[in-house]
């Protein structure tokens, strides 16, 4: 199987996900691979796209939660208000 026989899914902010038509998804930001994940089931291309969409949505939600936790900590930190 050729390196390029998989399927690409493209998203905003230069994010793309490459599915090798097996179980592996590689996540890219521009030309740099930044993550990967696997789904251990047989999938059609449509199902693979749904898996990629769901994975990215979960990651974005995690990032929002992590960032909101940081903001909450900043407001609770007494050092924030000391000069």
C-alpha atoms as a PDB file:
ATOM      1  CA  UNK A   1       0.000   0.000   0.000  1.00  0.00           C
ATOM      2  CA  UNK A   2       1.393   3.371  -0.980  1.00  0.00           C
ATOM      3  CA  UNK A   3       2.071   6.044   1.599  1.00  0.00           C
ATOM      4  CA  UNK A   4      -0.454   8.217  -0.231  1.00  0.00           C
ATOM      5  CA  UNK A   5      -3.321   5.740  -0.578  1.00  0.00           C
ATOM      6  CA  UNK A   6      -4.991   6.963   2.594  1.00  0.00           C
ATOM      7  CA  UNK A   7      -7.548   9.688   2.980  1.00  0.00           C
ATOM      8  CA  UNK A   8      -7.111  13.280   4.205  1.00  0.00           C
ATOM      9  CA  UNK A   9      -9.613  15.321   6.223  1.00  0.00           C
ATOM     10  CA  UNK A  10      -9.034  19.083   6.378  1.00  0.00           C
ATOM     11  CA  UNK A  11     -10.086  21.522   9.095  1.00  0.00           C
ATOM     12  CA  UNK A  12      -9.680  25.173  10.062  1.00  0.00           C
ATOM     13  CA  UNK A  13      -6.393  26.566  11.391  1.00  0.00           C
ATOM     14  CA  UNK A  14      -4.281  24.408   9.040  1.00  0.00           C
ATOM     15  CA  UNK A  15      -5.249  21.188  10.884  1.00  0.00           C
ATOM     16  CA  UNK A  16      -5.532  17.995   8.854  1.00  0.00           C
ATOM     17  CA  UNK A  17      -6.005  14.350   9.748  1.00  0.00           C
ATOM     18  CA  UNK A  18      -4.669  11.526   7.591  1.00  0.00           C
ATOM     19  CA  UNK A  19      -6.353   8.126   7.799  1.00  0.00           C
ATOM     20  CA  UNK A  20      -4.306   5.210   6.463  1.00  0.00           C
ATOM     21  CA  UNK A  21      -7.510   3.284   5.637  1.00  0.00           C
ATOM     22  CA  UNK A  22      -6.728   0.873   8.443  1.00  0.00           C
ATOM     23  CA  UNK A  23      -6.786   1.839  12.130  1.00  0.00           C
ATOM     24  CA  UNK A  24      -4.386   4.779  12.340  1.00  0.00           C
ATOM     25  CA  UNK A  25      -5.082   8.497  12.090  1.00  0.00           C
ATOM     26  CA  UNK A  26      -2.194  11.002  11.995  1.00  0.00           C
ATOM     27  CA  UNK A  27      -2.927  14.596  12.991  1.00  0.00           C
ATOM     28  CA  UNK A  28      -1.023  17.462  11.359  1.00  0.00           C
ATOM     29  CA  UNK A  29      -0.701  21.161  12.007  1.00  0.00           C
ATOM     30  CA  UNK A  30       0.611  22.429   8.708  1.00  0.00           C
ATOM     31  CA  UNK A  31       3.350  20.022   7.637  1.00  0.00           C
ATOM     32  CA  UNK A  32       4.167  18.857  11.167  1.00  0.00           C
ATOM     33  CA  UNK A  33       2.656  15.720  12.670  1.00  0.00           C
ATOM     34  CA  UNK A  34       1.414  16.689  16.133  1.00  0.00           C
ATOM     35  CA  UNK A  35      -0.604  13.673  17.292  1.00  0.00           C
ATOM     36  CA  UNK A  36      -2.052  10.337  16.274  1.00  0.00           C
ATOM     37  CA  UNK A  37      -4.836   8.022  17.380  1.00  0.00           C
ATOM     38  CA  UNK A  38      -6.240   4.635  16.485  1.00  0.00           C
ATOM     39  CA  UNK A  39      -9.736   3.276  16.083  1.00  0.00           C
ATOM     40  CA  UNK A  40      -9.862  -0.492  16.313  1.00  0.00           C
ATOM     41  CA  UNK A  41     -12.781  -1.218  14.010  1.00  0.00           C
ATOM     42  CA  UNK A  42     -13.414  -1.513  10.291  1.00  0.00           C
ATOM     43  CA  UNK A  43     -14.652   1.756   8.821  1.00  0.00           C
ATOM     44  CA  UNK A  44     -15.981   3.181   5.621  1.00  0.00           C
ATOM     45  CA  UNK A  45     -14.469   6.518   4.543  1.00  0.00           C
ATOM     46  CA  UNK A  46     -17.561   8.292   5.915  1.00  0.00           C
ATOM     47  CA  UNK A  47     -17.202   6.546   9.279  1.00  0.00           C
ATOM     48  CA  UNK A  48     -13.501   7.442   9.357  1.00  0.00           C
ATOM     49  CA  UNK A  49     -14.368  11.083   8.720  1.00  0.00           C
ATOM     50  CA  UNK A  50     -16.874  10.970  11.579  1.00  0.00           C
ATOM     51  CA  UNK A  51     -14.197   9.458  13.860  1.00  0.00           C
ATOM     52  CA  UNK A  52     -11.730  12.197  12.881  1.00  0.00           C
ATOM     53  CA  UNK A  53     -14.356  14.916  13.430  1.00  0.00           C
ATOM     54  CA  UNK A  54     -15.260  13.514  16.858  1.00  0.00           C
ATOM     55  CA  UNK A  55     -11.613  13.151  17.912  1.00  0.00           C
ATOM     56  CA  UNK A  56     -10.812  16.730  16.940  1.00  0.00           C
ATOM     57  CA  UNK A  57     -13.935  18.052  18.668  1.00  0.00           C
ATOM     58  CA  UNK A  58     -12.966  16.221  21.878  1.00  0.00           C
ATOM     59  CA  UNK A  59      -9.430  17.639  21.706  1.00  0.00           C
ATOM     60  CA  UNK A  60     -10.738  21.169  21.212  1.00  0.00           C
ATOM     61  CA  UNK A  61     -13.103  20.743  24.176  1.00  0.00           C
ATOM     62  CA  UNK A  62     -10.207  19.456  26.340  1.00  0.00           C
ATOM     63  CA  UNK A  63      -8.126  22.449  25.322  1.00  0.00           C
ATOM     64  CA  UNK A  64     -10.969  24.830  26.233  1.00  0.00           C
ATOM     65  CA  UNK A  65     -11.369  23.155  29.633  1.00  0.00           C
ATOM     66  CA  UNK A  66      -7.624  23.267  30.280  1.00  0.00           C
ATOM     67  CA  UNK A  67      -7.469  26.936  29.353  1.00  0.00           C
ATOM     68  CA  UNK A  68     -10.494  27.804  31.467  1.00  0.00           C
ATOM     69  CA  UNK A  69      -8.917  26.003  34.434  1.00  0.00           C
ATOM     70  CA  UNK A  70      -5.817  28.158  33.963  1.00  0.00           C
ATOM     71  CA  UNK A  71      -7.939  31.316  33.906  1.00  0.00           C
ATOM     72  CA  UNK A  72      -9.855  30.222  36.995  1.00  0.00           C
ATOM     73  CA  UNK A  73      -6.584  29.572  38.812  1.00  0.00           C
ATOM     74  CA  UNK A  74      -5.296  33.017  37.866  1.00  0.00           C
ATOM     75  CA  UNK A  75      -8.335  34.666  39.422  1.00  0.00           C
ATOM     76  CA  UNK A  76      -8.055  32.584  42.580  1.00  0.00           C
ATOM     77  CA  UNK A  77      -4.325  33.219  42.941  1.00  0.00           C
ATOM     78  CA  UNK A  78      -3.481  35.925  45.514  1.00  0.00           C
ATOM     79  CA  UNK A  79      -0.300  36.700  43.585  1.00  0.00           C
ATOM     80  CA  UNK A  80      -2.391  38.021  40.723  1.00  0.00           C
ATOM     81  CA  UNK A  81      -3.451  41.001  42.807  1.00  0.00           C
ATOM     82  CA  UNK A  82      -0.164  41.776  44.533  1.00  0.00           C
ATOM     83  CA  UNK A  83       2.034  44.516  43.179  1.00  0.00           C
END
